[in-house]
């Protein structure tokens, strides 16, 4: 008597003996096309550490660390202390540190003490912004767009220690002038 090589009634249990590779590939392709739901850090959440996401992050709590995501929203009451890198940033809460993004919007309730590197910056009435804004044509990893030499006609650059030039440095600058 010959043995059966297939399990009896395997199709009834939902375990097909042979699966087509295309059904698995189709499921992976569908999940890859479908955008992930945004990650929401709620008001009662405090994070110390870095956050990395390929999608969207909404911050209503407090983050002490760097945040890297495709899109970042800091809600009213939310705060970030650290560096933020994203394609699109909407700030309605507090940010202290550095922000690098293609598009930046500072909403009416925003309190930003940071240096911002951007392609597009919108500051709504009521937003508080202290720091430097640097517009660039494109956001890249290399900072080759910085000037390599001082413009002609500028004096010597004096190093400042602790926010004040030392007496020796001040004398050297006044002597060279």
N, C-alpha and C. Protein backbone atom coordinates (compact mmCIF):
# COMPACT_ATOMS: atom_id res chain seq x y z
N UNK A 1 0.83 -1.17 0.00
CA UNK A 1 0.00 0.00 0.00
C UNK A 1 0.89 1.24 0.00
N UNK A 2 0.55 2.16 -0.83
CA UNK A 2 1.33 3.40 -0.98
C UNK A 2 0.95 4.41 0.09
N UNK A 3 1.94 5.13 0.59
CA UNK A 3 1.68 6.18 1.58
C UNK A 3 1.30 7.46 0.90
N UNK A 4 0.43 8.19 1.55
CA UNK A 4 0.05 9.50 1.01
C UNK A 4 1.11 10.52 1.37
N UNK A 5 1.46 11.35 0.44
CA UNK A 5 2.50 12.35 0.69
C UNK A 5 1.90 13.68 1.14
N UNK A 6 0.59 13.80 1.07
CA UNK A 6 -0.04 15.04 1.52
C UNK A 6 -0.81 14.78 2.79
N UNK A 7 -0.92 15.81 3.60
CA UNK A 7 -1.68 15.67 4.82
C UNK A 7 -3.16 15.66 4.48
N UNK A 8 -3.88 14.84 5.16
CA UNK A 8 -5.30 14.70 4.89
C UNK A 8 -6.03 15.95 5.37
N UNK A 9 -6.81 16.54 4.50
CA UNK A 9 -7.64 17.72 4.77
C UNK A 9 -6.83 18.93 5.29
N UNK A 10 -5.63 19.09 4.81
CA UNK A 10 -4.83 20.22 5.27
C UNK A 10 -5.45 21.54 4.83
N UNK A 11 -6.15 21.56 3.75
CA UNK A 11 -6.78 22.78 3.27
C UNK A 11 -7.91 23.22 4.19
N UNK A 12 -8.54 22.31 4.93
CA UNK A 12 -9.62 22.66 5.83
C UNK A 12 -9.10 23.37 7.07
N UNK A 13 -7.89 23.09 7.48
CA UNK A 13 -7.32 23.72 8.67
C UNK A 13 -6.66 25.05 8.36
N UNK A 14 -6.66 25.47 7.14
CA UNK A 14 -6.04 26.73 6.77
C UNK A 14 -4.55 26.64 6.58
N UNK A 15 -4.01 25.42 6.51
CA UNK A 15 -2.58 25.23 6.29
C UNK A 15 -2.38 24.60 4.92
N UNK A 16 -2.35 25.37 3.91
CA UNK A 16 -2.17 24.76 2.59
C UNK A 16 -0.78 24.14 2.50
N UNK A 17 -0.71 23.07 1.78
CA UNK A 17 0.56 22.36 1.62
C UNK A 17 1.55 23.20 0.83
N UNK A 18 1.09 23.84 -0.20
CA UNK A 18 1.95 24.68 -1.03
C UNK A 18 1.42 26.10 -0.99
N UNK A 19 2.30 27.02 -0.74
CA UNK A 19 1.91 28.43 -0.75
C UNK A 19 2.63 29.10 -1.90
N UNK A 20 1.93 29.98 -2.54
CA UNK A 20 2.59 30.70 -3.62
C UNK A 20 3.40 31.84 -3.02
N UNK A 21 4.55 32.07 -3.55
CA UNK A 21 5.42 33.15 -3.06
C UNK A 21 4.80 34.51 -3.33
N UNK A 22 3.94 34.57 -4.32
CA UNK A 22 3.37 35.86 -4.68
C UNK A 22 2.40 36.37 -3.62
N UNK A 23 1.72 35.49 -2.90
CA UNK A 23 0.80 35.97 -1.87
C UNK A 23 1.56 36.64 -0.73
N UNK A 24 2.71 36.10 -0.37
CA UNK A 24 3.53 36.70 0.68
C UNK A 24 4.13 38.02 0.18
N UNK A 25 4.60 38.03 -1.07
CA UNK A 25 5.15 39.25 -1.65
C UNK A 25 4.11 40.35 -1.74
N UNK A 26 2.88 39.98 -2.10
CA UNK A 26 1.80 40.98 -2.20
C UNK A 26 1.50 41.58 -0.84
N UNK A 27 1.52 40.78 0.20
CA UNK A 27 1.27 41.28 1.55
C UNK A 27 2.37 42.25 1.98
N UNK A 28 3.63 41.91 1.67
CA UNK A 28 4.75 42.80 2.01
C UNK A 28 4.68 44.10 1.23
N UNK A 29 4.31 44.03 -0.06
CA UNK A 29 4.20 45.23 -0.88
C UNK A 29 3.08 46.12 -0.39
N UNK A 30 1.97 45.53 0.02
CA UNK A 30 0.83 46.31 0.51
C UNK A 30 1.20 47.03 1.80
N UNK A 31 1.93 46.36 2.69
CA UNK A 31 2.31 47.01 3.94
C UNK A 31 3.38 48.08 3.69
N UNK A 32 4.22 47.89 2.69
CA UNK A 32 5.25 48.89 2.37
C UNK A 32 4.63 50.15 1.79
N UNK A 33 3.55 50.03 1.02
CA UNK A 33 2.88 51.19 0.43
C UNK A 33 2.02 51.92 1.44
N UNK A 34 1.50 51.22 2.39
CA UNK A 34 0.61 51.81 3.38
C UNK A 34 1.45 52.58 4.40
N UNK A 35 1.20 53.89 4.56
CA UNK A 35 1.99 54.63 5.54
C UNK A 35 1.66 54.17 6.95
N UNK A 36 2.66 54.15 7.78
CA UNK A 36 2.47 53.74 9.17
C UNK A 36 1.71 54.83 9.91
N UNK A 37 1.01 54.44 10.92
CA UNK A 37 0.30 55.41 11.76
C UNK A 37 1.34 56.24 12.50
N UNK A 38 1.03 57.51 12.79
CA UNK A 38 2.01 58.32 13.51
C UNK A 38 2.27 57.78 14.92
N UNK A 39 3.49 57.95 15.36
CA UNK A 39 3.85 57.59 16.74
C UNK A 39 3.51 58.78 17.61
N UNK A 40 2.72 58.55 18.65
CA UNK A 40 2.25 59.63 19.51
C UNK A 40 2.85 59.46 20.90
N UNK A 41 3.60 60.45 21.33
CA UNK A 41 4.16 60.45 22.68
C UNK A 41 3.27 61.36 23.51
N UNK A 42 2.46 60.78 24.38
CA UNK A 42 1.41 61.51 25.08
C UNK A 42 1.96 62.42 26.17
N UNK A 43 1.08 63.24 26.73
CA UNK A 43 1.42 64.28 27.68
C UNK A 43 2.14 63.72 28.91
N UNK A 44 1.76 62.56 29.37
CA UNK A 44 2.35 62.02 30.60
C UNK A 44 3.64 61.24 30.36
N UNK A 45 4.17 61.25 29.14
CA UNK A 45 5.36 60.49 28.80
C UNK A 45 6.60 61.38 28.80
N UNK A 46 7.65 60.93 29.50
CA UNK A 46 8.93 61.63 29.53
C UNK A 46 10.00 60.66 29.06
N UNK A 47 10.73 61.05 28.03
CA UNK A 47 11.75 60.18 27.46
C UNK A 47 13.11 60.86 27.57
N UNK A 48 14.08 60.10 28.06
CA UNK A 48 15.47 60.55 28.06
C UNK A 48 16.21 59.59 27.14
N UNK A 49 16.58 60.09 25.98
CA UNK A 49 17.23 59.27 24.97
C UNK A 49 16.82 59.72 23.59
N UNK A 50 17.40 59.10 22.58
CA UNK A 50 17.15 59.49 21.20
C UNK A 50 15.97 58.72 20.62
N UNK A 51 15.28 59.37 19.67
CA UNK A 51 14.13 58.76 19.00
C UNK A 51 14.40 58.77 17.50
N UNK A 52 14.25 57.61 16.85
CA UNK A 52 14.41 57.49 15.42
C UNK A 52 13.15 56.86 14.84
N UNK A 53 12.62 57.45 13.75
CA UNK A 53 11.44 56.91 13.12
C UNK A 53 11.49 57.20 11.63
N UNK A 54 11.00 56.25 10.82
CA UNK A 54 10.90 56.48 9.38
C UNK A 54 9.59 57.18 9.03
N UNK A 55 8.74 57.38 10.02
CA UNK A 55 7.43 57.97 9.77
C UNK A 55 7.24 59.28 10.51
N UNK A 56 6.04 59.46 11.01
CA UNK A 56 5.63 60.69 11.66
C UNK A 56 5.62 60.52 13.18
N UNK A 57 6.07 61.55 13.89
CA UNK A 57 6.11 61.52 15.35
C UNK A 57 5.41 62.76 15.89
N UNK A 58 4.43 62.56 16.80
CA UNK A 58 3.75 63.65 17.51
C UNK A 58 4.24 63.62 18.95
N UNK A 59 4.76 64.75 19.41
CA UNK A 59 5.29 64.81 20.77
C UNK A 59 4.42 65.75 21.59
N UNK A 60 3.73 65.19 22.56
CA UNK A 60 2.94 65.98 23.51
C UNK A 60 3.59 65.96 24.88
N UNK A 61 4.50 65.04 25.10
CA UNK A 61 5.21 64.92 26.37
C UNK A 61 6.54 65.62 26.32
N UNK A 62 7.53 65.08 27.03
CA UNK A 62 8.84 65.70 27.12
C UNK A 62 9.91 64.73 26.64
N UNK A 63 10.80 65.22 25.78
CA UNK A 63 11.90 64.41 25.26
C UNK A 63 13.21 65.15 25.53
N UNK A 64 14.14 64.47 26.18
CA UNK A 64 15.50 64.98 26.36
C UNK A 64 16.40 64.08 25.53
N UNK A 65 16.72 64.52 24.34
CA UNK A 65 17.53 63.72 23.42
C UNK A 65 17.25 64.15 22.00
N UNK A 66 17.91 63.53 21.07
CA UNK A 66 17.75 63.86 19.66
C UNK A 66 16.54 63.12 19.07
N UNK A 67 15.87 63.78 18.12
CA UNK A 67 14.71 63.19 17.45
C UNK A 67 14.95 63.26 15.95
N UNK A 68 14.86 62.10 15.28
CA UNK A 68 15.01 62.01 13.83
C UNK A 68 13.79 61.29 13.29
N UNK A 69 13.05 61.95 12.40
CA UNK A 69 11.85 61.35 11.81
C UNK A 69 11.53 62.04 10.50
N UNK A 70 10.63 61.46 9.73
CA UNK A 70 10.24 62.07 8.47
C UNK A 70 9.43 63.34 8.71
N UNK A 71 8.51 63.28 9.67
CA UNK A 71 7.71 64.44 10.02
C UNK A 71 7.59 64.50 11.54
N UNK A 72 7.77 65.69 12.10
CA UNK A 72 7.72 65.85 13.55
C UNK A 72 6.75 66.97 13.90
N UNK A 73 5.88 66.70 14.85
CA UNK A 73 4.98 67.71 15.39
C UNK A 73 5.20 67.77 16.89
N UNK A 74 5.55 68.96 17.39
CA UNK A 74 5.64 69.17 18.83
C UNK A 74 4.39 69.95 19.22
N UNK A 75 3.48 69.26 19.90
CA UNK A 75 2.19 69.85 20.26
C UNK A 75 2.35 70.86 21.39
N UNK A 76 1.30 71.66 21.61
CA UNK A 76 1.28 72.58 22.75
C UNK A 76 1.45 71.75 24.02
N UNK A 77 2.33 72.17 24.89
CA UNK A 77 2.61 71.42 26.10
C UNK A 77 3.73 70.42 25.92
N UNK A 78 4.08 70.10 24.68
CA UNK A 78 5.18 69.18 24.42
C UNK A 78 6.50 69.93 24.39
N UNK A 79 7.59 69.22 24.68
CA UNK A 79 8.89 69.88 24.65
C UNK A 79 9.98 68.90 24.24
N UNK A 80 10.98 69.44 23.55
CA UNK A 80 12.15 68.67 23.14
C UNK A 80 13.38 69.48 23.50
N UNK A 81 14.31 68.82 24.16
CA UNK A 81 15.61 69.42 24.45
C UNK A 81 16.63 68.55 23.75
N UNK A 82 17.16 69.05 22.63
CA UNK A 82 18.11 68.28 21.84
C UNK A 82 18.05 68.69 20.38
N UNK A 83 18.64 67.88 19.54
CA UNK A 83 18.68 68.14 18.10
C UNK A 83 17.51 67.42 17.43
N UNK A 84 16.88 68.12 16.47
CA UNK A 84 15.76 67.56 15.73
C UNK A 84 16.11 67.61 14.24
N UNK A 85 15.98 66.46 13.55
CA UNK A 85 16.21 66.39 12.11
C UNK A 85 15.00 65.75 11.47
N UNK A 86 14.44 66.44 10.45
CA UNK A 86 13.21 65.98 9.83
C UNK A 86 13.03 66.63 8.47
N UNK A 87 12.07 66.12 7.69
CA UNK A 87 11.71 66.78 6.44
C UNK A 87 10.76 67.93 6.73
N UNK A 88 9.81 67.71 7.64
CA UNK A 88 8.78 68.71 7.94
C UNK A 88 8.59 68.80 9.45
N UNK A 89 8.65 70.03 9.97
CA UNK A 89 8.49 70.23 11.41
C UNK A 89 7.38 71.25 11.66
N UNK A 90 6.46 70.90 12.54
CA UNK A 90 5.41 71.81 13.01
C UNK A 90 5.61 71.93 14.52
N UNK A 91 5.99 73.13 14.96
CA UNK A 91 6.30 73.34 16.37
C UNK A 91 5.23 74.23 16.99
N UNK A 92 4.51 73.69 17.97
CA UNK A 92 3.52 74.46 18.72
C UNK A 92 3.90 74.49 20.20
N UNK A 93 4.88 73.69 20.58
CA UNK A 93 5.33 73.61 21.96
C UNK A 93 6.70 74.23 22.12
N UNK A 94 7.56 73.61 22.93
CA UNK A 94 8.88 74.15 23.25
C UNK A 94 9.98 73.30 22.61
N UNK A 95 10.96 73.98 22.06
CA UNK A 95 12.13 73.31 21.48
C UNK A 95 13.37 74.07 21.92
N UNK A 96 14.33 73.35 22.48
CA UNK A 96 15.60 73.94 22.87
C UNK A 96 16.70 73.08 22.26
N UNK A 97 17.55 73.68 21.43
CA UNK A 97 18.63 72.91 20.82
C UNK A 97 18.89 73.32 19.40
N UNK A 98 18.69 72.38 18.48
CA UNK A 98 18.97 72.60 17.07
C UNK A 98 17.89 71.92 16.24
N UNK A 99 17.48 72.58 15.15
CA UNK A 99 16.45 72.03 14.26
C UNK A 99 16.94 72.12 12.83
N UNK A 100 16.92 71.00 12.13
CA UNK A 100 17.28 70.94 10.72
C UNK A 100 16.11 70.30 9.99
N UNK A 101 15.51 71.06 9.03
CA UNK A 101 14.33 70.55 8.34
C UNK A 101 14.15 71.25 7.00
N UNK A 102 13.47 70.56 6.08
CA UNK A 102 13.11 71.18 4.80
C UNK A 102 12.11 72.31 5.04
N UNK A 103 11.01 72.00 5.71
CA UNK A 103 9.99 73.01 6.01
C UNK A 103 9.77 73.07 7.51
N UNK A 104 9.72 74.29 8.02
CA UNK A 104 9.53 74.52 9.44
C UNK A 104 8.38 75.50 9.61
N UNK A 105 7.44 75.16 10.51
CA UNK A 105 6.36 76.07 10.87
C UNK A 105 6.37 76.24 12.38
N UNK A 106 6.51 77.48 12.82
CA UNK A 106 6.43 77.80 14.24
C UNK A 106 5.05 78.39 14.48
N UNK A 107 4.19 77.64 15.17
CA UNK A 107 2.81 78.06 15.43
C UNK A 107 2.78 79.13 16.51
N UNK A 108 1.60 79.70 16.72
CA UNK A 108 1.43 80.84 17.63
C UNK A 108 1.92 80.55 19.03
N UNK A 109 1.81 79.34 19.55
CA UNK A 109 2.22 79.04 20.92
C UNK A 109 3.63 78.51 21.04
N UNK A 110 4.40 78.50 19.95
CA UNK A 110 5.73 77.91 19.97
C UNK A 110 6.71 78.76 20.77
N UNK A 111 7.60 78.07 21.49
CA UNK A 111 8.70 78.72 22.22
C UNK A 111 9.97 77.99 21.80
N UNK A 112 10.73 78.60 20.90
CA UNK A 112 11.89 77.95 20.31
C UNK A 112 13.15 78.73 20.65
N UNK A 113 14.08 78.06 21.31
CA UNK A 113 15.42 78.59 21.57
C UNK A 113 16.36 77.62 20.88
N UNK A 114 16.63 77.89 19.61
CA UNK A 114 17.39 76.93 18.82
C UNK A 114 17.96 77.60 17.58
N UNK A 115 18.93 76.96 17.00
CA UNK A 115 19.42 77.35 15.69
C UNK A 115 18.69 76.49 14.67
N UNK A 116 18.10 77.15 13.67
CA UNK A 116 17.27 76.44 12.69
C UNK A 116 17.94 76.51 11.32
N UNK A 117 18.17 75.36 10.71
CA UNK A 117 18.62 75.27 9.33
C UNK A 117 17.43 74.75 8.52
N UNK A 118 17.05 75.49 7.47
CA UNK A 118 15.79 75.18 6.78
C UNK A 118 15.86 75.58 5.32
N UNK A 119 14.92 75.05 4.55
CA UNK A 119 14.67 75.51 3.18
C UNK A 119 13.52 76.51 3.23
N UNK A 120 12.50 76.23 4.03
CA UNK A 120 11.33 77.10 4.16
C UNK A 120 10.99 77.25 5.64
N UNK A 121 10.79 78.51 6.08
CA UNK A 121 10.47 78.79 7.48
C UNK A 121 9.26 79.70 7.54
N UNK A 122 8.27 79.30 8.34
CA UNK A 122 7.07 80.10 8.58
C UNK A 122 6.97 80.34 10.08
N UNK A 123 6.87 81.61 10.47
CA UNK A 123 6.73 81.96 11.88
C UNK A 123 5.39 82.68 12.02
N UNK A 124 4.46 82.05 12.72
CA UNK A 124 3.15 82.66 12.92
C UNK A 124 3.22 83.69 14.03
N UNK A 125 2.28 84.66 13.99
CA UNK A 125 2.23 85.69 15.01
C UNK A 125 1.98 85.04 16.37
N UNK A 126 2.77 85.43 17.36
CA UNK A 126 2.65 84.86 18.70
C UNK A 126 3.72 83.84 19.01
N UNK A 127 4.44 83.36 17.99
CA UNK A 127 5.53 82.41 18.22
C UNK A 127 6.74 83.15 18.77
N UNK A 128 7.48 82.51 19.65
CA UNK A 128 8.70 83.09 20.22
C UNK A 128 9.87 82.30 19.67
N UNK A 129 10.81 83.01 19.03
CA UNK A 129 11.97 82.35 18.42
C UNK A 129 13.23 83.13 18.80
N UNK A 130 14.14 82.45 19.50
CA UNK A 130 15.44 83.00 19.84
C UNK A 130 16.50 82.06 19.30
N UNK A 131 17.36 82.58 18.47
CA UNK A 131 18.41 81.76 17.90
C UNK A 131 18.74 82.25 16.51
N UNK A 132 19.42 81.42 15.75
CA UNK A 132 19.82 81.76 14.40
C UNK A 132 19.00 80.95 13.41
N UNK A 133 18.64 81.61 12.33
CA UNK A 133 17.92 80.96 11.24
C UNK A 133 18.86 80.95 10.04
N UNK A 134 19.06 79.79 9.46
CA UNK A 134 19.93 79.67 8.30
C UNK A 134 19.17 78.99 7.18
N UNK A 135 18.89 79.76 6.11
CA UNK A 135 18.19 79.21 4.96
C UNK A 135 19.21 78.61 4.00
N UNK A 136 18.90 77.40 3.53
CA UNK A 136 19.75 76.71 2.57
C UNK A 136 18.87 76.27 1.40
N UNK A 137 19.50 75.95 0.28
CA UNK A 137 18.75 75.50 -0.88
C UNK A 137 18.30 74.05 -0.75
N UNK A 138 19.08 73.26 -0.04
CA UNK A 138 18.74 71.85 0.17
C UNK A 138 19.38 71.40 1.47
N UNK A 139 18.73 70.46 2.11
CA UNK A 139 19.27 69.89 3.34
C UNK A 139 20.11 68.69 2.97
N UNK A 140 21.37 68.71 3.37
CA UNK A 140 22.27 67.59 3.09
C UNK A 140 23.08 67.28 4.32
N UNK A 141 23.84 66.21 4.25
CA UNK A 141 24.65 65.82 5.40
C UNK A 141 25.97 66.57 5.44
N UNK A 142 26.41 67.08 4.29
CA UNK A 142 27.67 67.81 4.30
C UNK A 142 27.37 69.31 4.46
N UNK A 143 28.16 69.95 5.25
CA UNK A 143 27.99 71.37 5.51
C UNK A 143 28.99 72.18 4.70
N UNK A 144 29.18 71.84 3.42
CA UNK A 144 30.15 72.51 2.57
C UNK A 144 29.70 73.91 2.16
N UNK A 145 28.50 74.31 2.52
CA UNK A 145 28.01 75.62 2.13
C UNK A 145 28.52 76.73 3.04
N UNK A 146 29.24 76.39 4.12
CA UNK A 146 29.80 77.41 4.99
C UNK A 146 30.94 78.12 4.26
N UNK A 147 31.13 79.42 4.52
CA UNK A 147 32.23 80.12 3.85
C UNK A 147 33.57 79.55 4.31
N UNK A 148 34.48 79.41 3.37
CA UNK A 148 35.78 78.84 3.68
C UNK A 148 36.76 79.91 4.15
N UNK A 149 36.48 81.19 3.91
CA UNK A 149 37.36 82.28 4.34
C UNK A 149 36.51 83.48 4.70
N UNK A 150 37.07 84.37 5.49
CA UNK A 150 36.36 85.59 5.85
C UNK A 150 36.29 86.51 4.65
N UNK A 151 35.19 87.25 4.49
CA UNK A 151 35.10 88.20 3.39
C UNK A 151 36.19 89.26 3.52
N UNK A 152 36.62 89.83 2.39
CA UNK A 152 37.66 90.85 2.39
C UNK A 152 37.17 92.06 3.18
N UNK A 153 38.08 92.70 3.90
CA UNK A 153 37.71 93.89 4.65
C UNK A 153 37.33 93.61 6.09
N UNK A 154 37.18 92.34 6.47
CA UNK A 154 36.87 92.03 7.87
C UNK A 154 38.15 91.90 8.64
N UNK A 155 38.11 92.31 9.88
CA UNK A 155 39.28 92.23 10.74
C UNK A 155 39.54 90.82 11.20
N UNK A 156 40.45 90.71 12.14
CA UNK A 156 40.79 89.40 12.70
C UNK A 156 39.64 88.86 13.53
N UNK A 157 39.57 87.57 13.63
CA UNK A 157 38.57 86.92 14.45
C UNK A 157 39.18 86.70 15.83
N UNK A 158 38.48 87.14 16.86
CA UNK A 158 38.95 87.00 18.23
C UNK A 158 38.20 85.87 18.91
N UNK A 159 38.94 84.95 19.49
CA UNK A 159 38.31 83.85 20.22
C UNK A 159 37.72 84.41 21.50
N UNK A 160 36.53 83.99 21.83
CA UNK A 160 35.85 84.46 23.03
C UNK A 160 35.77 83.29 24.00
N UNK A 161 36.30 83.49 25.19
CA UNK A 161 36.28 82.43 26.21
C UNK A 161 35.28 82.82 27.28
N UNK A 162 34.31 81.97 27.50
CA UNK A 162 33.32 82.22 28.55
C UNK A 162 32.42 83.41 28.26
N UNK A 163 32.29 83.79 26.98
CA UNK A 163 31.39 84.88 26.61
C UNK A 163 32.06 86.24 26.62
N UNK A 164 33.34 86.35 27.07
CA UNK A 164 34.04 87.64 27.11
C UNK A 164 35.44 87.42 26.57
N UNK A 165 35.90 88.41 25.81
CA UNK A 165 37.27 88.35 25.31
C UNK A 165 38.22 88.66 26.45
N UNK A 166 39.35 87.97 26.49
CA UNK A 166 40.32 88.23 27.55
C UNK A 166 41.01 89.57 27.30
N UNK A 167 41.66 90.12 28.32
CA UNK A 167 42.32 91.42 28.19
C UNK A 167 43.42 91.36 27.14
N UNK A 168 44.17 90.25 27.09
CA UNK A 168 45.23 90.10 26.10
C UNK A 168 44.67 90.11 24.69
N UNK A 169 43.55 89.42 24.49
CA UNK A 169 42.93 89.37 23.17
C UNK A 169 42.39 90.74 22.78
N UNK A 170 41.80 91.46 23.73
CA UNK A 170 41.26 92.79 23.45
C UNK A 170 42.38 93.75 23.06
N UNK A 171 43.55 93.68 23.75
CA UNK A 171 44.68 94.52 23.41
C UNK A 171 45.22 94.17 22.04
N UNK A 172 45.28 92.88 21.70
CA UNK A 172 45.80 92.47 20.40
C UNK A 172 44.90 92.97 19.29
N UNK A 173 43.60 92.95 19.49
CA UNK A 173 42.67 93.42 18.47
C UNK A 173 42.79 94.93 18.30
N UNK A 174 42.86 95.67 19.42
CA UNK A 174 42.95 97.13 19.32
C UNK A 174 44.29 97.54 18.73
N UNK A 175 45.38 96.80 18.97
CA UNK A 175 46.69 97.09 18.41
C UNK A 175 46.72 96.85 16.92
N UNK A 176 46.01 95.84 16.45
CA UNK A 176 46.02 95.53 15.02
C UNK A 176 45.09 96.45 14.23
N UNK A 177 44.22 97.17 14.90
CA UNK A 177 43.26 98.05 14.20
C UNK A 177 43.88 99.35 13.81
